[in-house]
N, C-alpha and C. Protein backbone atom coordinates (compact mmCIF):
# COMPACT_ATOMS: atom_id res chain seq x y z
N UNK A 1 -17.00 -4.60 -9.21
CA UNK A 1 -15.61 -4.59 -8.80
C UNK A 1 -15.24 -5.97 -8.30
N UNK A 2 -14.09 -6.43 -8.71
CA UNK A 2 -13.68 -7.78 -8.32
C UNK A 2 -13.11 -7.78 -6.91
N UNK A 3 -13.13 -8.93 -6.27
CA UNK A 3 -12.58 -9.07 -4.93
C UNK A 3 -11.06 -9.00 -4.98
N UNK A 4 -10.49 -8.41 -3.98
CA UNK A 4 -9.03 -8.29 -3.92
C UNK A 4 -8.41 -9.51 -3.27
N UNK A 5 -7.28 -9.91 -3.83
CA UNK A 5 -6.54 -11.04 -3.27
C UNK A 5 -5.77 -10.52 -2.05
N UNK A 6 -5.18 -11.43 -1.32
CA UNK A 6 -4.36 -11.04 -0.17
C UNK A 6 -3.19 -10.15 -0.62
N UNK A 7 -2.62 -10.49 -1.77
CA UNK A 7 -1.52 -9.69 -2.33
C UNK A 7 -2.02 -8.29 -2.70
N UNK A 8 -3.21 -8.21 -3.28
CA UNK A 8 -3.81 -6.93 -3.61
C UNK A 8 -4.03 -6.09 -2.35
N UNK A 9 -4.51 -6.74 -1.29
CA UNK A 9 -4.76 -6.05 -0.03
C UNK A 9 -3.45 -5.48 0.55
N UNK A 10 -2.37 -6.22 0.42
CA UNK A 10 -1.05 -5.75 0.88
C UNK A 10 -0.64 -4.52 0.07
N UNK A 11 -0.91 -4.54 -1.24
CA UNK A 11 -0.59 -3.39 -2.07
C UNK A 11 -1.41 -2.19 -1.66
N UNK A 12 -2.68 -2.40 -1.35
CA UNK A 12 -3.54 -1.32 -0.88
C UNK A 12 -2.96 -0.71 0.39
N UNK A 13 -2.61 -1.55 1.35
CA UNK A 13 -2.04 -1.09 2.62
C UNK A 13 -0.74 -0.31 2.39
N UNK A 14 0.13 -0.86 1.57
CA UNK A 14 1.43 -0.22 1.30
C UNK A 14 1.23 1.14 0.64
N UNK A 15 0.38 1.20 -0.39
CA UNK A 15 0.15 2.45 -1.10
C UNK A 15 -0.57 3.48 -0.23
N UNK A 16 -1.51 3.03 0.56
CA UNK A 16 -2.21 3.92 1.48
C UNK A 16 -1.23 4.56 2.46
N UNK A 17 -0.38 3.73 3.06
CA UNK A 17 0.59 4.24 4.00
C UNK A 17 1.53 5.23 3.31
N UNK A 18 1.98 4.91 2.12
CA UNK A 18 2.90 5.83 1.38
C UNK A 18 2.24 7.15 1.09
N UNK A 19 0.99 7.14 0.63
CA UNK A 19 0.30 8.37 0.29
C UNK A 19 0.04 9.22 1.55
N UNK A 20 -0.36 8.58 2.66
CA UNK A 20 -0.57 9.29 3.89
C UNK A 20 0.76 9.85 4.43
N UNK A 21 1.81 9.09 4.29
CA UNK A 21 3.13 9.54 4.70
C UNK A 21 3.51 10.81 3.96
N UNK A 22 3.40 10.77 2.63
CA UNK A 22 3.73 11.93 1.82
C UNK A 22 2.87 13.14 2.14
N UNK A 23 1.57 12.91 2.29
CA UNK A 23 0.66 14.02 2.60
C UNK A 23 0.96 14.64 3.96
N UNK A 24 1.21 13.79 4.96
CA UNK A 24 1.50 14.28 6.32
C UNK A 24 2.79 15.10 6.32
N UNK A 25 3.80 14.60 5.64
CA UNK A 25 5.08 15.32 5.59
C UNK A 25 4.96 16.63 4.83
N UNK A 26 4.23 16.62 3.74
CA UNK A 26 4.02 17.85 2.96
C UNK A 26 3.26 18.89 3.79
N UNK A 27 2.21 18.46 4.43
CA UNK A 27 1.41 19.35 5.26
C UNK A 27 2.25 19.91 6.42
N UNK A 28 3.00 19.08 7.06
CA UNK A 28 3.83 19.52 8.19
C UNK A 28 4.88 20.51 7.69
N UNK A 29 5.47 20.27 6.54
CA UNK A 29 6.51 21.18 6.01
C UNK A 29 5.91 22.56 5.73
N UNK A 30 4.74 22.59 5.15
CA UNK A 30 4.07 23.88 4.86
C UNK A 30 3.77 24.58 6.18
N UNK A 31 3.24 23.87 7.13
CA UNK A 31 2.89 24.46 8.42
C UNK A 31 4.13 24.94 9.17
N UNK A 32 5.19 24.15 9.14
CA UNK A 32 6.44 24.54 9.83
C UNK A 32 7.01 25.80 9.17
N UNK A 33 6.87 25.92 7.83
CA UNK A 33 7.39 27.09 7.15
C UNK A 33 6.57 28.33 7.44
N UNK A 34 5.26 28.19 7.61
CA UNK A 34 4.38 29.34 7.83
C UNK A 34 4.30 29.72 9.29
N UNK A 35 4.17 28.76 10.17
CA UNK A 35 3.98 28.98 11.60
C UNK A 35 4.75 27.93 12.41
N UNK A 36 6.03 28.12 12.59
CA UNK A 36 6.85 27.08 13.28
C UNK A 36 6.32 26.72 14.66
N UNK A 37 5.93 27.71 15.44
CA UNK A 37 5.48 27.39 16.80
C UNK A 37 4.17 26.63 16.79
N UNK A 38 3.26 27.06 15.93
CA UNK A 38 1.97 26.35 15.81
C UNK A 38 2.20 24.93 15.32
N UNK A 39 3.10 24.80 14.36
CA UNK A 39 3.41 23.46 13.82
C UNK A 39 3.93 22.55 14.92
N UNK A 40 4.84 23.04 15.72
CA UNK A 40 5.39 22.23 16.81
C UNK A 40 4.29 21.81 17.78
N UNK A 41 3.39 22.70 18.07
CA UNK A 41 2.29 22.37 19.00
C UNK A 41 1.33 21.36 18.40
N UNK A 42 0.96 21.56 17.13
CA UNK A 42 0.02 20.63 16.47
C UNK A 42 0.64 19.26 16.31
N UNK A 43 1.88 19.21 15.85
CA UNK A 43 2.55 17.93 15.64
C UNK A 43 2.74 17.21 16.98
N UNK A 44 3.03 17.98 18.04
CA UNK A 44 3.15 17.38 19.37
C UNK A 44 1.85 16.74 19.84
N UNK A 45 0.74 17.42 19.61
CA UNK A 45 -0.58 16.87 19.97
C UNK A 45 -0.86 15.60 19.16
N UNK A 46 -0.51 15.63 17.89
CA UNK A 46 -0.76 14.43 17.06
C UNK A 46 0.07 13.25 17.53
N UNK A 47 1.32 13.51 17.91
CA UNK A 47 2.18 12.45 18.43
C UNK A 47 1.61 11.90 19.73
N UNK A 48 1.11 12.76 20.58
CA UNK A 48 0.52 12.31 21.84
C UNK A 48 -0.71 11.45 21.61
N UNK A 49 -1.53 11.81 20.63
CA UNK A 49 -2.70 11.01 20.30
C UNK A 49 -2.31 9.60 19.88
N UNK A 50 -1.30 9.51 19.04
CA UNK A 50 -0.82 8.21 18.57
C UNK A 50 -0.33 7.40 19.78
N UNK A 51 0.45 8.05 20.64
CA UNK A 51 0.96 7.37 21.86
C UNK A 51 -0.18 6.88 22.72
N UNK A 52 -1.20 7.70 22.91
CA UNK A 52 -2.34 7.31 23.73
C UNK A 52 -3.06 6.11 23.14
N UNK A 53 -3.31 6.11 21.84
CA UNK A 53 -4.00 4.99 21.20
C UNK A 53 -3.18 3.70 21.31
N UNK A 54 -1.89 3.78 21.03
CA UNK A 54 -1.03 2.60 21.09
C UNK A 54 -0.93 2.07 22.51
N UNK A 55 -0.90 2.98 23.48
CA UNK A 55 -0.86 2.55 24.89
C UNK A 55 -2.16 1.80 25.25
N UNK A 56 -3.29 2.32 24.78
CA UNK A 56 -4.58 1.70 25.05
C UNK A 56 -4.64 0.31 24.39
N UNK A 57 -4.11 0.18 23.18
CA UNK A 57 -4.09 -1.11 22.49
C UNK A 57 -3.31 -2.13 23.34
N UNK A 58 -2.18 -1.70 23.88
CA UNK A 58 -1.35 -2.59 24.72
C UNK A 58 -2.08 -2.98 26.00
N UNK A 59 -2.60 -1.98 26.69
CA UNK A 59 -3.24 -2.24 28.01
C UNK A 59 -4.49 -3.10 27.90
N UNK A 60 -5.27 -2.86 26.84
CA UNK A 60 -6.53 -3.55 26.70
C UNK A 60 -6.45 -4.79 25.83
N UNK A 61 -5.27 -5.02 25.24
CA UNK A 61 -5.12 -6.18 24.35
C UNK A 61 -6.07 -6.15 23.16
N UNK A 62 -6.30 -4.97 22.62
CA UNK A 62 -7.28 -4.80 21.56
C UNK A 62 -6.95 -5.56 20.26
N UNK A 63 -5.73 -5.94 20.07
CA UNK A 63 -5.34 -6.69 18.87
C UNK A 63 -4.98 -8.13 19.21
N UNK A 64 -5.49 -8.63 20.32
CA UNK A 64 -5.26 -10.03 20.70
C UNK A 64 -3.92 -10.21 21.39
N UNK A 65 -3.42 -11.42 21.33
CA UNK A 65 -2.19 -11.77 22.03
C UNK A 65 -0.98 -10.99 21.54
N UNK A 66 -1.01 -10.56 20.31
CA UNK A 66 0.14 -9.84 19.74
C UNK A 66 -0.02 -8.32 19.86
N UNK A 67 -0.91 -7.87 20.71
CA UNK A 67 -1.18 -6.43 20.84
C UNK A 67 0.06 -5.60 21.09
N UNK A 68 0.89 -6.03 22.02
CA UNK A 68 2.09 -5.26 22.35
C UNK A 68 3.03 -5.20 21.16
N UNK A 69 3.30 -6.35 20.54
CA UNK A 69 4.19 -6.37 19.38
C UNK A 69 3.64 -5.54 18.23
N UNK A 70 2.34 -5.62 18.02
CA UNK A 70 1.71 -4.83 16.96
C UNK A 70 1.83 -3.33 17.24
N UNK A 71 1.54 -2.95 18.48
CA UNK A 71 1.60 -1.54 18.85
C UNK A 71 3.01 -1.02 18.71
N UNK A 72 3.99 -1.80 19.09
CA UNK A 72 5.41 -1.36 18.97
C UNK A 72 5.76 -1.18 17.49
N UNK A 73 5.37 -2.12 16.65
CA UNK A 73 5.68 -2.03 15.22
C UNK A 73 5.00 -0.83 14.59
N UNK A 74 3.75 -0.60 14.95
CA UNK A 74 3.02 0.55 14.43
C UNK A 74 3.69 1.83 14.93
N UNK A 75 4.03 1.87 16.20
CA UNK A 75 4.68 3.04 16.77
C UNK A 75 6.00 3.37 16.07
N UNK A 76 6.76 2.34 15.77
CA UNK A 76 8.03 2.56 15.07
C UNK A 76 7.83 3.13 13.69
N UNK A 77 6.85 2.61 12.95
CA UNK A 77 6.56 3.10 11.61
C UNK A 77 6.04 4.53 11.64
N UNK A 78 5.07 4.78 12.51
CA UNK A 78 4.52 6.11 12.58
C UNK A 78 5.55 7.08 13.13
N UNK A 79 6.36 6.64 14.09
CA UNK A 79 7.41 7.48 14.65
C UNK A 79 8.37 7.96 13.57
N UNK A 80 8.74 7.08 12.65
CA UNK A 80 9.62 7.47 11.56
C UNK A 80 8.98 8.55 10.70
N UNK A 81 7.70 8.40 10.42
CA UNK A 81 7.00 9.40 9.60
C UNK A 81 6.92 10.73 10.35
N UNK A 82 6.56 10.68 11.63
CA UNK A 82 6.42 11.91 12.42
C UNK A 82 7.77 12.59 12.61
N UNK A 83 8.85 11.80 12.77
CA UNK A 83 10.18 12.41 12.87
C UNK A 83 10.54 13.13 11.59
N UNK A 84 10.27 12.50 10.48
CA UNK A 84 10.57 13.14 9.19
C UNK A 84 9.68 14.40 9.04
N UNK A 85 8.43 14.33 9.34
CA UNK A 85 7.51 15.46 9.17
C UNK A 85 7.92 16.61 10.10
N UNK A 86 8.47 16.28 11.24
CA UNK A 86 8.84 17.31 12.21
C UNK A 86 10.23 17.87 11.99
N UNK A 87 10.92 17.34 10.99
CA UNK A 87 12.26 17.80 10.67
C UNK A 87 13.33 17.14 11.52
N UNK A 88 12.96 16.08 12.23
CA UNK A 88 13.94 15.33 13.01
C UNK A 88 14.35 14.12 12.16
N UNK A 89 15.61 13.77 12.27
CA UNK A 89 16.05 12.57 11.53
C UNK A 89 17.27 12.01 12.19
N UNK A 90 17.54 10.73 11.87
CA UNK A 90 18.74 10.07 12.37
C UNK A 90 18.89 10.15 13.88
N UNK A 91 20.10 10.47 14.36
CA UNK A 91 20.41 10.51 15.79
C UNK A 91 19.62 11.60 16.50
N UNK A 92 19.33 12.69 15.81
CA UNK A 92 18.53 13.77 16.43
C UNK A 92 17.16 13.27 16.81
N UNK A 93 16.57 12.42 15.98
CA UNK A 93 15.26 11.87 16.28
C UNK A 93 15.33 10.91 17.45
N UNK A 94 16.41 10.16 17.58
CA UNK A 94 16.53 9.23 18.70
C UNK A 94 16.66 9.95 20.01
N UNK A 95 17.27 11.13 20.00
CA UNK A 95 17.45 11.90 21.22
C UNK A 95 16.21 12.67 21.60
N UNK A 96 15.29 12.87 20.67
CA UNK A 96 14.07 13.65 20.95
C UNK A 96 13.10 12.92 21.82
């Protein structure tokens, strides 16, 4: 297998995020349809885990000097996915 260029690595990251986004949203939709209360609880726990990890990254500077900026950017991207998966969107998501 050949080594990946920086551009190839960006494509890998972009495609990985897209596939995980789609899978997470599909799974959440099925769960919300079958067991809405369980879905709300599970998705809430997952959101809390993300919050905890990003908070730890900020506090401990795990990503270097840009830890806070990185954590905020990651949180915004994941937040959009979680909002979509939870059925929240637009202004409703901002109020949640």
